[in-house]
Amino acid sequence: MANSTSRADHVRDPIGSTVFFAVDYDPTGDSISGPVTDYFTGINASMDAQLLGKYKVGVYGTATCVPR
């Protein structure tokens, strides 16, 4: 996570732009409610703590990964 946000700073992405994180497989409901949710909970907590909302978090993955 730190590498992606430092890269966003390096290329001067505007405040409020989105940093995407990948889910590189087609997860099932159990995976989404478990490890995938845990993954993004950690990413959001880290981004909020370190960057105070400077960037948004995006998901790069299959349609099953998109919050509804």
PDB file of N, CA and C in Angstrom:
ATOM      1  N   MET A   1       0.817  -1.169   0.000  1.00  0.00           N
ATOM      2  CA  MET A   1       0.000   0.000   0.000  1.00  0.00           C
ATOM      3  C   MET A   1       0.869   1.242   0.000  1.00  0.00           C
ATOM      4  N   ALA A   2       1.913   1.248   0.790  1.00  0.00           N
ATOM      5  CA  ALA A   2       2.762   2.437   0.861  1.00  0.00           C
ATOM      6  C   ALA A   2       3.394   2.740  -0.494  1.00  0.00           C
ATOM      7  N   ASN A   3       3.776   1.701  -1.235  1.00  0.00           N
ATOM      8  CA  ASN A   3       4.387   1.913  -2.538  1.00  0.00           C
ATOM      9  C   ASN A   3       3.406   2.562  -3.511  1.00  0.00           C
ATOM     10  N   SER A   4       2.167   2.115  -3.501  1.00  0.00           N
ATOM     11  CA  SER A   4       1.193   2.679  -4.440  1.00  0.00           C
ATOM     12  C   SER A   4       0.861   4.127  -4.105  1.00  0.00           C
ATOM     13  N   THR A   5       0.776   4.458  -2.848  1.00  0.00           N
ATOM     14  CA  THR A   5       0.470   5.839  -2.493  1.00  0.00           C
ATOM     15  C   THR A   5       1.676   6.743  -2.676  1.00  0.00           C
ATOM     16  N   SER A   6       2.866   6.234  -2.428  1.00  0.00           N
ATOM     17  CA  SER A   6       4.052   7.065  -2.679  1.00  0.00           C
ATOM     18  C   SER A   6       4.215   7.292  -4.182  1.00  0.00           C
ATOM     19  N   ARG A   7       3.839   6.316  -4.986  1.00  0.00           N
ATOM     20  CA  ARG A   7       3.882   6.480  -6.441  1.00  0.00           C
ATOM     21  C   ARG A   7       2.854   7.531  -6.877  1.00  0.00           C
ATOM     22  N   ALA A   8       1.671   7.489  -6.282  1.00  0.00           N
ATOM     23  CA  ALA A   8       0.644   8.490  -6.601  1.00  0.00           C
ATOM     24  C   ALA A   8       1.144   9.892  -6.248  1.00  0.00           C
ATOM     25  N   ASP A   9       1.821  10.021  -5.117  1.00  0.00           N
ATOM     26  CA  ASP A   9       2.409  11.313  -4.749  1.00  0.00           C
ATOM     27  C   ASP A   9       3.493  11.716  -5.747  1.00  0.00           C
ATOM     28  N   HIS A  10       4.321  10.752  -6.125  1.00  0.00           N
ATOM     29  CA  HIS A  10       5.444  11.021  -7.034  1.00  0.00           C
ATOM     30  C   HIS A  10       4.974  11.562  -8.390  1.00  0.00           C
ATOM     31  N   VAL A  11       3.899  10.983  -8.914  1.00  0.00           N
ATOM     32  CA  VAL A  11       3.400  11.440 -10.219  1.00  0.00           C
ATOM     33  C   VAL A  11       2.395  12.591 -10.069  1.00  0.00           C
ATOM     34  N   ARG A  12       2.250  13.054  -8.857  1.00  0.00           N
ATOM     35  CA  ARG A  12       1.385  14.207  -8.528  1.00  0.00           C
ATOM     36  C   ARG A  12      -0.073  13.997  -8.903  1.00  0.00           C
ATOM     37  N   ASP A  13      -0.573  12.801  -8.552  1.00  0.00           N
ATOM     38  CA  ASP A  13      -2.015  12.584  -8.711  1.00  0.00           C
ATOM     39  C   ASP A  13      -2.748  13.618  -7.867  1.00  0.00           C
ATOM     40  N   PRO A  14      -3.831  14.161  -8.375  1.00  0.00           N
ATOM     41  CA  PRO A  14      -4.560  15.171  -7.612  1.00  0.00           C
ATOM     42  C   PRO A  14      -5.182  14.587  -6.339  1.00  0.00           C
ATOM     43  N   ILE A  15      -5.307  15.408  -5.324  1.00  0.00           N
ATOM     44  CA  ILE A  15      -5.987  14.993  -4.104  1.00  0.00           C
ATOM     45  C   ILE A  15      -7.401  14.579  -4.481  1.00  0.00           C
ATOM     46  N   GLY A  16      -7.840  13.454  -3.931  1.00  0.00           N
ATOM     47  CA  GLY A  16      -9.165  12.928  -4.223  1.00  0.00           C
ATOM     48  C   GLY A  16      -9.190  11.912  -5.348  1.00  0.00           C
ATOM     49  N   SER A  17      -8.054  11.701  -6.028  1.00  0.00           N
ATOM     50  CA  SER A  17      -8.036  10.691  -7.086  1.00  0.00           C
ATOM     51  C   SER A  17      -8.036   9.297  -6.450  1.00  0.00           C
ATOM     52  N   THR A  18      -8.212   8.286  -7.266  1.00  0.00           N
ATOM     53  CA  THR A  18      -8.377   6.920  -6.780  1.00  0.00           C
ATOM     54  C   THR A  18      -7.121   6.096  -7.012  1.00  0.00           C
ATOM     55  N   VAL A  19      -6.722   5.352  -5.977  1.00  0.00           N
ATOM     56  CA  VAL A  19      -5.641   4.371  -6.076  1.00  0.00           C
ATOM     57  C   VAL A  19      -6.323   3.002  -6.091  1.00  0.00           C
ATOM     58  N   PHE A  20      -6.068   2.223  -7.139  1.00  0.00           N
ATOM     59  CA  PHE A  20      -6.732   0.933  -7.301  1.00  0.00           C
ATOM     60  C   PHE A  20      -5.882  -0.193  -6.734  1.00  0.00           C
ATOM     61  N   PHE A  21      -6.565  -1.135  -6.097  1.00  0.00           N
ATOM     62  CA  PHE A  21      -5.948  -2.342  -5.560  1.00  0.00           C
ATOM     63  C   PHE A  21      -6.643  -3.533  -6.202  1.00  0.00           C
ATOM     64  N   ALA A  22      -5.872  -4.554  -6.552  1.00  0.00           N
ATOM     65  CA  ALA A  22      -6.402  -5.676  -7.335  1.00  0.00           C
ATOM     66  C   ALA A  22      -6.876  -6.839  -6.487  1.00  0.00           C
ATOM     67  N   VAL A  23      -7.925  -7.467  -6.987  1.00  0.00           N
ATOM     68  CA  VAL A  23      -8.350  -8.792  -6.545  1.00  0.00           C
ATOM     69  C   VAL A  23      -8.257  -9.623  -7.812  1.00  0.00           C
ATOM     70  N   ASP A  24      -7.162 -10.370  -7.938  1.00  0.00           N
ATOM     71  CA  ASP A  24      -6.803 -10.995  -9.206  1.00  0.00           C
ATOM     72  C   ASP A  24      -7.304 -12.433  -9.328  1.00  0.00           C
ATOM     73  N   TYR A  25      -8.559 -12.639  -8.969  1.00  0.00           N
ATOM     74  CA  TYR A  25      -9.233 -13.912  -9.192  1.00  0.00           C
ATOM     75  C   TYR A  25     -10.727 -13.644  -9.095  1.00  0.00           C
ATOM     76  N   ASP A  26     -11.551 -14.605  -9.417  1.00  0.00           N
ATOM     77  CA  ASP A  26     -13.003 -14.434  -9.384  1.00  0.00           C
ATOM     78  C   ASP A  26     -13.526 -15.013  -8.068  1.00  0.00           C
ATOM     79  N   PRO A  27     -13.617 -14.178  -7.021  1.00  0.00           N
ATOM     80  CA  PRO A  27     -13.988 -14.708  -5.709  1.00  0.00           C
ATOM     81  C   PRO A  27     -15.461 -15.088  -5.620  1.00  0.00           C
ATOM     82  N   THR A  28     -15.728 -16.039  -4.744  1.00  0.00           N
ATOM     83  CA  THR A  28     -17.102 -16.453  -4.453  1.00  0.00           C
ATOM     84  C   THR A  28     -17.617 -15.639  -3.268  1.00  0.00           C
ATOM     85  N   GLY A  29     -18.860 -15.840  -2.924  1.00  0.00           N
ATOM     86  CA  GLY A  29     -19.456 -15.133  -1.796  1.00  0.00           C
ATOM     87  C   GLY A  29     -18.679 -15.299  -0.505  1.00  0.00           C
ATOM     88  N   ASP A  30     -18.227 -16.526  -0.221  1.00  0.00           N
ATOM     89  CA  ASP A  30     -17.459 -16.777   1.002  1.00  0.00           C
ATOM     90  C   ASP A  30     -16.133 -16.026   0.998  1.00  0.00           C
ATOM     91  N   SER A  31     -15.488 -15.982  -0.147  1.00  0.00           N
ATOM     92  CA  SER A  31     -14.217 -15.249  -0.234  1.00  0.00           C
ATOM     93  C   SER A  31     -14.440 -13.748  -0.092  1.00  0.00           C
ATOM     94  N   ILE A  32     -15.532 -13.256  -0.669  1.00  0.00           N
ATOM     95  CA  ILE A  32     -15.810 -11.823  -0.587  1.00  0.00           C
ATOM     96  C   ILE A  32     -16.114 -11.424   0.848  1.00  0.00           C
ATOM     97  N   SER A  33     -16.935 -12.216   1.529  1.00  0.00           N
ATOM     98  CA  SER A  33     -17.296 -11.867   2.902  1.00  0.00           C
ATOM     99  C   SER A  33     -16.157 -12.130   3.883  1.00  0.00           C
ATOM    100  N   GLY A  34     -15.126 -12.822   3.465  1.00  0.00           N
ATOM    101  CA  GLY A  34     -13.983 -13.109   4.327  1.00  0.00           C
ATOM    102  C   GLY A  34     -12.746 -12.359   3.898  1.00  0.00           C
ATOM    103  N   PRO A  35     -11.824 -13.020   3.174  1.00  0.00           N
ATOM    104  CA  PRO A  35     -10.530 -12.426   2.866  1.00  0.00           C
ATOM    105  C   PRO A  35     -10.573 -11.155   2.023  1.00  0.00           C
ATOM    106  N   VAL A  36     -11.489 -11.070   1.067  1.00  0.00           N
ATOM    107  CA  VAL A  36     -11.522  -9.867   0.226  1.00  0.00           C
ATOM    108  C   VAL A  36     -11.977  -8.662   1.057  1.00  0.00           C
ATOM    109  N   THR A  37     -13.007  -8.843   1.868  1.00  0.00           N
ATOM    110  CA  THR A  37     -13.459  -7.764   2.750  1.00  0.00           C
ATOM    111  C   THR A  37     -12.370  -7.392   3.752  1.00  0.00           C
ATOM    112  N   ASP A  38     -11.707  -8.387   4.320  1.00  0.00           N
ATOM    113  CA  ASP A  38     -10.607  -8.118   5.258  1.00  0.00           C
ATOM    114  C   ASP A  38      -9.485  -7.330   4.586  1.00  0.00           C
ATOM    115  N   TYR A  39      -9.150  -7.700   3.358  1.00  0.00           N
ATOM    116  CA  TYR A  39      -8.115  -7.025   2.581  1.00  0.00           C
ATOM    117  C   TYR A  39      -8.436  -5.543   2.425  1.00  0.00           C
ATOM    118  N   PHE A  40      -9.671  -5.242   2.007  1.00  0.00           N
ATOM    119  CA  PHE A  40     -10.035  -3.845   1.791  1.00  0.00           C
ATOM    120  C   PHE A  40     -10.299  -3.088   3.085  1.00  0.00           C
ATOM    121  N   THR A  41     -10.703  -3.784   4.135  1.00  0.00           N
ATOM    122  CA  THR A  41     -10.822  -3.138   5.442  1.00  0.00           C
ATOM    123  C   THR A  41      -9.448  -2.658   5.893  1.00  0.00           C
ATOM    124  N   GLY A  42      -8.435  -3.502   5.719  1.00  0.00           N
ATOM    125  CA  GLY A  42      -7.061  -3.122   6.064  1.00  0.00           C
ATOM    126  C   GLY A  42      -6.531  -1.993   5.201  1.00  0.00           C
ATOM    127  N   ILE A  43      -6.801  -2.057   3.912  1.00  0.00           N
ATOM    128  CA  ILE A  43      -6.346  -1.002   3.004  1.00  0.00           C
ATOM    129  C   ILE A  43      -6.990   0.329   3.389  1.00  0.00           C
ATOM    130  N   ASN A  44      -8.306   0.324   3.604  1.00  0.00           N
ATOM    131  CA  ASN A  44      -8.998   1.563   3.974  1.00  0.00           C
ATOM    132  C   ASN A  44      -8.488   2.120   5.292  1.00  0.00           C
ATOM    133  N   ALA A  45      -8.266   1.270   6.288  1.00  0.00           N
ATOM    134  CA  ALA A  45      -7.767   1.731   7.580  1.00  0.00           C
ATOM    135  C   ALA A  45      -6.380   2.343   7.431  1.00  0.00           C
ATOM    136  N   SER A  46      -5.523   1.699   6.654  1.00  0.00           N
ATOM    137  CA  SER A  46      -4.166   2.198   6.454  1.00  0.00           C
ATOM    138  C   SER A  46      -4.171   3.506   5.677  1.00  0.00           C
ATOM    139  N   MET A  47      -4.983   3.575   4.628  1.00  0.00           N
ATOM    140  CA  MET A  47      -5.063   4.806   3.834  1.00  0.00           C
ATOM    141  C   MET A  47      -5.583   5.958   4.693  1.00  0.00           C
ATOM    142  N   ASP A  48      -6.606   5.700   5.501  1.00  0.00           N
ATOM    143  CA  ASP A  48      -7.164   6.751   6.352  1.00  0.00           C
ATOM    144  C   ASP A  48      -6.151   7.209   7.396  1.00  0.00           C
ATOM    145  N   ALA A  49      -5.448   6.264   8.002  1.00  0.00           N
ATOM    146  CA  ALA A  49      -4.493   6.598   9.058  1.00  0.00           C
ATOM    147  C   ALA A  49      -3.286   7.355   8.518  1.00  0.00           C
ATOM    148  N   GLN A  50      -2.790   6.949   7.363  1.00  0.00           N
ATOM    149  CA  GLN A  50      -1.565   7.543   6.831  1.00  0.00           C
ATOM    150  C   GLN A  50      -1.820   8.769   5.967  1.00  0.00           C
ATOM    151  N   LEU A  51      -2.932   8.777   5.259  1.00  0.00           N
ATOM    152  CA  LEU A  51      -3.133   9.824   4.258  1.00  0.00           C
ATOM    153  C   LEU A  51      -4.334  10.721   4.536  1.00  0.00           C
ATOM    154  N   LEU A  52      -5.079  10.411   5.598  1.00  0.00           N
ATOM    155  CA  LEU A  52      -6.212  11.231   6.015  1.00  0.00           C
ATOM    156  C   LEU A  52      -7.160  11.551   4.869  1.00  0.00           C
ATOM    157  N   GLY A  53      -7.486  10.513   4.084  1.00  0.00           N
ATOM    158  CA  GLY A  53      -8.459  10.687   3.011  1.00  0.00           C
ATOM    159  C   GLY A  53      -7.938  11.368   1.758  1.00  0.00           C
ATOM    160  N   LYS A  54      -6.632  11.468   1.616  1.00  0.00           N
ATOM    161  CA  LYS A  54      -6.057  12.148   0.452  1.00  0.00           C
ATOM    162  C   LYS A  54      -6.439  11.462  -0.851  1.00  0.00           C
ATOM    163  N   TYR A  55      -6.440  10.130  -0.846  1.00  0.00           N
ATOM    164  CA  TYR A  55      -6.815   9.359  -2.030  1.00  0.00           C
ATOM    165  C   TYR A  55      -7.988   8.446  -1.706  1.00  0.00           C
ATOM    166  N   LYS A  56      -8.775   8.112  -2.729  1.00  0.00           N
ATOM    167  CA  LYS A  56      -9.859   7.149  -2.598  1.00  0.00           C
ATOM    168  C   LYS A  56      -9.313   5.765  -2.915  1.00  0.00           C
ATOM    169  N   VAL A  57      -9.994   4.740  -2.441  1.00  0.00           N
ATOM    170  CA  VAL A  57      -9.608   3.359  -2.700  1.00  0.00           C
ATOM    171  C   VAL A  57     -10.520   2.800  -3.789  1.00  0.00           C
ATOM    172  N   GLY A  58      -9.910   2.186  -4.808  1.00  0.00           N
ATOM    173  CA  GLY A  58     -10.662   1.547  -5.878  1.00  0.00           C
ATOM    174  C   GLY A  58     -10.329   0.077  -5.959  1.00  0.00           C
ATOM    175  N   VAL A  59     -11.231  -0.691  -6.568  1.00  0.00           N
ATOM    176  CA  VAL A  59     -11.061  -2.131  -6.734  1.00  0.00           C
ATOM    177  C   VAL A  59     -10.877  -2.428  -8.207  1.00  0.00           C
ATOM    178  N   TYR A  60      -9.806  -3.153  -8.525  1.00  0.00           N
ATOM    179  CA  TYR A  60      -9.624  -3.677  -9.870  1.00  0.00           C
ATOM    180  C   TYR A  60      -9.861  -5.175  -9.763  1.00  0.00           C
ATOM    181  N   GLY A  61     -10.964  -5.648 -10.313  1.00  0.00           N
ATOM    182  CA  GLY A  61     -11.278  -7.070 -10.230  1.00  0.00           C
ATOM    183  C   GLY A  61     -12.551  -7.371 -10.996  1.00  0.00           C
ATOM    184  N   THR A  62     -13.054  -8.549 -10.804  1.00  0.00           N
ATOM    185  CA  THR A  62     -14.267  -8.962 -11.500  1.00  0.00           C
ATOM    186  C   THR A  62     -15.483  -8.258 -10.910  1.00  0.00           C
ATOM    187  N   ALA A  63     -16.605  -8.378 -11.555  1.00  0.00           N
ATOM    188  CA  ALA A  63     -17.841  -7.708 -11.113  1.00  0.00           C
ATOM    189  C   ALA A  63     -18.261  -8.141  -9.717  1.00  0.00           C
ATOM    190  N   THR A  64     -17.886  -9.348  -9.307  1.00  0.00           N
ATOM    191  CA  THR A  64     -18.284  -9.804  -7.969  1.00  0.00           C
ATOM    192  C   THR A  64     -17.590  -9.014  -6.865  1.00  0.00           C
ATOM    193  N   CYS A  65     -16.535  -8.301  -7.186  1.00  0.00           N
ATOM    194  CA  CYS A  65     -15.787  -7.525  -6.200  1.00  0.00           C
ATOM    195  C   CYS A  65     -16.343  -6.123  -5.977  1.00  0.00           C
ATOM    196  N   VAL A  66     -17.226  -5.695  -6.848  1.00  0.00           N
ATOM    197  CA  VAL A  66     -17.743  -4.328  -6.776  1.00  0.00           C
ATOM    198  C   VAL A  66     -18.843  -4.256  -5.721  1.00  0.00           C
ATOM    199  N   PRO A  67     -18.715  -3.327  -4.755  1.00  0.00           N
ATOM    200  CA  PRO A  67     -19.771  -3.218  -3.735  1.00  0.00           C
ATOM    201  C   PRO A  67     -21.102  -2.840  -4.369  1.00  0.00           C
ATOM    202  N   ARG A  68     -22.159  -3.369  -3.838  1.00  0.00           N
ATOM    203  CA  ARG A  68     -23.494  -3.058  -4.356  1.00  0.00           C
ATOM    204  C   ARG A  68     -24.270  -2.250  -3.365  1.00  0.00           C
TER     205      ARG A  68
END
